[in-house]
Protein backbone atom coordinates (compact mmCIF):
# COMPACT_ATOMS: atom_id res chain seq x y z
CA MET A 1 -31.44 -24.37 -12.44
CA ASN A 2 -33.53 -21.67 -14.14
CA LEU A 3 -33.45 -18.27 -12.42
CA PRO A 4 -35.81 -15.33 -12.96
CA ALA A 5 -34.21 -12.86 -15.35
CA ALA A 6 -34.40 -10.09 -12.73
CA LEU A 7 -31.99 -11.99 -10.46
CA ASN A 8 -29.26 -11.49 -13.04
CA LEU A 9 -29.32 -7.82 -12.08
CA VAL A 10 -28.65 -8.49 -8.40
CA GLU A 11 -25.05 -8.02 -7.27
CA PRO A 12 -23.56 -10.58 -4.87
CA LEU A 13 -23.88 -9.69 -1.20
CA ASP A 14 -20.83 -8.17 0.45
CA ARG A 15 -19.53 -10.86 2.79
CA GLN A 16 -17.71 -8.38 5.01
CA THR A 17 -19.39 -7.69 8.33
CA LEU A 18 -19.69 -4.16 9.67
CA GLY A 19 -16.96 -5.01 12.16
CA GLU A 20 -14.61 -6.06 9.36
CA ARG A 21 -15.36 -2.88 7.43
CA ALA A 22 -14.73 -0.75 10.51
CA TYR A 23 -11.47 -2.62 11.12
CA ALA A 24 -10.34 -2.01 7.53
CA LYS A 25 -11.12 1.72 7.75
CA LEU A 26 -9.40 2.23 11.10
CA ALA A 27 -6.41 0.11 10.07
CA ASP A 28 -6.01 2.24 6.95
CA LEU A 29 -5.96 5.41 9.08
CA LEU A 30 -3.06 3.94 11.05
CA ILE A 31 -1.18 2.60 8.04
CA SER A 32 -1.63 5.88 6.16
CA GLY A 33 -0.24 7.90 9.07
CA ARG A 34 -3.49 9.76 9.66
CA LEU A 35 -3.27 9.02 13.38
CA ALA A 36 -0.22 10.08 15.39
CA PRO A 37 1.44 8.34 18.37
CA GLY A 38 -0.43 9.14 21.57
CA GLU A 39 -3.53 10.35 19.71
CA LYS A 40 -6.79 9.27 21.35
CA LEU A 41 -9.60 7.63 19.41
CA SER A 42 -13.22 8.21 20.40
CA LEU A 43 -15.32 5.14 19.66
CA ARG A 44 -18.48 7.24 19.45
CA ALA A 45 -16.91 9.72 17.04
CA ALA A 46 -15.52 6.89 14.90
CA ALA A 47 -18.95 5.23 14.80
CA ASP A 48 -20.59 8.50 13.72
CA VAL A 49 -18.05 9.06 10.94
CA LEU A 50 -18.34 5.47 9.70
CA GLY A 51 -22.13 5.57 9.88
CA VAL A 52 -22.44 2.49 12.08
CA SER A 53 -23.39 1.71 15.66
CA ILE A 54 -20.71 1.61 18.31
CA MET A 55 -20.61 -2.21 18.42
CA PRO A 56 -18.77 -2.75 15.09
CA VAL A 57 -16.27 -0.06 16.09
CA ARG A 58 -15.75 -1.71 19.46
CA GLU A 59 -15.13 -5.02 17.65
CA ALA A 60 -12.64 -3.35 15.29
CA VAL A 61 -10.82 -1.61 18.13
CA SER A 62 -10.56 -4.88 20.06
CA ARG A 63 -8.84 -6.46 17.05
CA LEU A 64 -6.47 -3.51 16.69
CA VAL A 65 -5.62 -3.70 20.40
CA ALA A 66 -4.84 -7.40 19.91
CA ASP A 67 -2.63 -6.37 16.96
CA LYS A 68 -0.91 -3.90 19.33
CA ALA A 69 -1.81 -1.13 16.89
CA LEU A 70 -3.99 0.55 19.55
CA GLU A 71 -3.94 0.37 23.33
CA VAL A 72 -6.36 0.95 26.19
CA THR A 73 -5.05 3.27 28.92
CA PRO A 74 -5.79 2.75 32.64
CA ASN A 75 -8.66 5.25 32.40
CA ARG A 76 -10.16 3.18 29.52
CA ALA A 77 -9.26 5.65 26.78
CA VAL A 78 -8.20 4.18 23.43
CA ARG A 79 -5.08 5.65 21.88
CA VAL A 80 -2.27 5.02 19.42
CA PRO A 81 0.69 3.53 21.36
CA LEU A 82 3.83 5.52 22.06
CA LEU A 83 6.82 3.48 20.91
CA SER A 84 10.06 3.61 22.86
CA ALA A 85 13.31 4.27 21.00
CA ALA A 86 14.30 0.61 21.49
CA GLN A 87 10.98 -0.64 20.12
CA PHE A 88 11.26 1.71 17.15
CA ARG A 89 14.80 0.55 16.35
CA ASP A 90 13.62 -3.05 16.45
CA LEU A 91 10.65 -2.25 14.20
CA THR A 92 12.97 -0.44 11.78
CA LYS A 93 15.34 -3.42 11.51
CA VAL A 94 12.45 -5.78 10.77
CA ARG A 95 10.97 -3.38 8.22
CA ILE A 96 14.28 -3.05 6.37
CA ALA A 97 14.62 -6.83 6.16
CA ILE A 98 11.06 -7.61 5.07
CA GLU A 99 10.27 -4.54 2.96
CA GLY A 100 13.68 -4.75 1.31
CA HIS A 101 12.90 -8.34 0.37
CA ALA A 102 9.53 -7.24 -1.06
CA ALA A 103 11.22 -4.59 -3.21
CA GLU A 104 13.69 -7.18 -4.48
CA GLN A 105 10.83 -9.51 -5.36
CA ALA A 106 9.02 -6.64 -7.08
CA ALA A 107 11.98 -6.18 -9.41
CA ALA A 108 11.66 -9.83 -10.42
CA ASN A 109 7.87 -10.15 -10.61
CA ARG A 110 6.48 -6.74 -11.65
CA ASP A 111 4.32 -6.32 -14.73
CA ASN A 112 3.47 -3.24 -16.78
CA ASN A 113 0.51 -2.33 -14.58
CA ASP A 114 2.75 -2.45 -11.52
CA LEU A 115 5.27 -0.14 -13.18
CA LEU A 116 2.51 2.34 -14.00
CA SER A 117 1.23 2.26 -10.41
CA ILE A 118 4.70 2.77 -8.97
CA ALA A 119 5.50 5.61 -11.38
CA GLY A 120 2.16 7.30 -10.69
CA ALA A 121 2.64 7.09 -6.93
CA GLU A 122 6.17 8.45 -7.18
CA GLU A 123 5.07 11.37 -9.35
CA ALA A 124 2.16 12.25 -7.02
CA MET A 125 4.45 12.49 -4.00
CA ARG A 126 7.06 14.41 -5.96
CA ALA A 127 4.43 16.95 -7.03
CA GLU A 128 3.23 17.35 -3.43
CA SER A 129 6.78 17.86 -2.17
CA GLU A 130 7.43 20.56 -4.78
CA SER A 131 4.23 22.46 -3.98
CA ALA A 132 4.66 25.91 -2.43
CA THR A 133 2.18 24.86 0.28
CA PRO A 134 2.37 21.07 0.52
CA ASP A 135 -0.46 19.17 2.19
CA LEU A 136 1.59 17.30 4.80
CA PRO A 137 -1.01 14.69 5.82
CA ARG A 138 -1.53 13.95 2.13
CA ALA A 139 2.24 13.62 1.66
CA VAL A 140 2.34 11.00 4.42
CA GLU A 141 -0.48 9.08 2.73
CA LEU A 142 1.23 9.34 -0.67
CA ASN A 143 4.38 7.92 0.88
CA LYS A 144 2.34 4.89 1.97
CA THR A 145 0.78 4.62 -1.49
CA PHE A 146 4.21 4.49 -3.13
CA HIS A 147 5.54 1.86 -0.75
CA PHE A 148 2.56 -0.43 -1.17
CA ALA A 149 2.61 -0.02 -4.96
CA VAL A 150 6.13 -1.45 -4.73
CA TYR A 151 5.18 -4.25 -2.34
CA ASP A 152 2.09 -5.22 -4.34
CA ALA A 153 4.38 -5.64 -7.35
CA ALA A 154 6.06 -8.56 -5.56
CA HIS A 155 2.81 -10.50 -6.18
CA SER A 156 3.01 -12.16 -2.77
CA PRO A 157 -0.21 -11.65 -0.76
CA ILE A 158 1.31 -13.18 2.37
CA LEU A 159 4.29 -10.83 2.19
CA VAL A 160 2.02 -7.79 1.79
CA GLU A 161 -0.11 -8.97 4.73
CA ILE A 162 3.01 -9.13 6.92
CA ILE A 163 4.06 -5.64 5.80
CA ARG A 164 0.60 -4.23 6.53
CA ALA A 165 0.90 -5.59 10.08
CA LEU A 166 4.24 -3.78 10.45
CA TRP A 167 2.76 -0.55 9.08
CA LEU A 168 -0.03 -0.63 11.66
CA LYS A 169 2.77 0.28 14.07
CA ALA A 170 5.04 2.21 11.69
CA GLY A 171 2.42 4.39 9.98
CA PRO A 172 1.69 6.65 12.97
CA VAL A 173 5.40 7.16 13.71
CA ILE A 174 5.93 8.52 10.18
CA ASN A 175 3.97 11.53 11.46
CA LEU A 176 7.12 12.39 13.41
CA ASP A 177 8.97 12.66 10.10
CA LEU A 178 7.17 14.04 7.04
CA ARG A 179 4.01 15.40 8.66
CA ALA A 180 5.60 17.11 11.65
CA ASN A 181 8.67 18.37 9.80
CA PRO A 182 7.88 19.97 6.43
CA GLU A 183 11.55 20.77 5.86
CA ARG A 184 12.19 17.05 5.50
CA LEU A 185 9.71 16.87 2.65
CA ALA A 186 11.22 19.92 0.98
CA LYS A 187 14.76 18.48 1.12
CA GLY A 188 13.54 15.57 -0.95
CA HIS A 189 15.56 12.63 0.40
CA ALA A 190 12.49 10.38 0.34
CA ILE A 191 11.75 11.55 -3.20
CA LYS A 192 15.26 10.58 -4.32
CA CYS A 193 14.98 7.16 -2.66
CA HIS A 194 11.62 6.57 -4.32
CA ALA A 195 13.04 7.48 -7.72
CA ASP A 196 15.96 5.09 -7.17
CA VAL A 197 13.57 2.29 -6.22
CA ARG A 198 11.33 2.92 -9.23
CA ARG A 199 14.26 2.85 -11.64
CA ALA A 200 15.70 -0.30 -10.07
CA ILE A 201 12.39 -2.16 -10.28
CA ALA A 202 11.83 -1.05 -13.87
CA ALA A 203 15.32 -2.31 -14.77
CA GLY A 204 14.85 -5.58 -12.87
CA HIS A 205 17.71 -4.80 -10.45
CA GLY A 206 16.54 -6.48 -7.25
CA ALA A 207 19.56 -5.65 -5.09
CA MET A 208 19.32 -1.96 -5.99
CA ALA A 209 15.60 -1.92 -5.22
CA ARG A 210 16.30 -3.49 -1.82
CA GLU A 211 19.01 -0.91 -1.11
CA GLY A 212 16.73 1.97 -2.09
CA ILE A 213 13.94 0.88 0.26
CA ALA A 214 16.46 0.27 3.05
CA ALA A 215 17.91 3.77 2.57
CA ASP A 216 14.44 5.34 2.65
CA ILE A 217 13.42 3.54 5.85
CA SER A 218 16.73 3.99 7.68
CA ASP A 219 17.07 7.70 6.83
CA ALA A 220 13.58 8.46 8.15
CA ALA A 221 14.24 6.37 11.26
CA GLU A 222 17.52 8.16 12.01
CA PHE A 223 15.79 11.53 11.70
CA ILE A 224 12.92 10.49 14.00
CA LEU A 225 15.36 9.16 16.60
CA SER A 226 17.45 12.33 16.41
CA ARG A 227 14.42 14.48 17.22
CA GLY A 228 13.69 12.59 20.44
CA GLY A 229 9.95 12.35 19.83
CA LEU A 230 9.60 8.76 21.04
CA ALA A 231 8.62 7.50 24.47
CA GLY A 232 11.20 6.60 27.07
């Protein structure tokens, strides 16, 4: 079939609907720890920021409520759920099992581009932690960037999809660690764990990579539980 030459300049249409785009943006806010437990979300404000009508945002929020990443209160407000200590412990156990497996797979399947991404993410968070005035929300987001650089290196889209679903719930709680407690960032335990994971993956040591991710997750969880910032 002969096409007019001008059509060769036309880019394919984006198949994502506005609702899907809104979902992706709001999900990333949760996963990146930009929203804290108990924080309310205004649909109108979100629509204004995203530059869309309220309907795509309502569609996105409905999906996130179904994912249990957001909840609707009795007075119809939308907010980030408050996890109980028991729920958080359960989430932590599942994260250690699944994310540890992903790190182990990353050590076996990573390529040079993966190693560069992991090293770059580690260095960015290290630099932020060593800053005299660290940007704490950025540090939380850089933590997420490092973890997903590791998980992407497993080259298992289904595994990463499962982890993203876990981080819809875990991301906001990380606010109770790095973002709310700058001394934790300064002490550098997460930085040490990240360095251990990077070295293990580069060397192809799957068990060590798994242990490093488990140590990072469990240490943060123990700190959050010790501060008593969870519901019930």
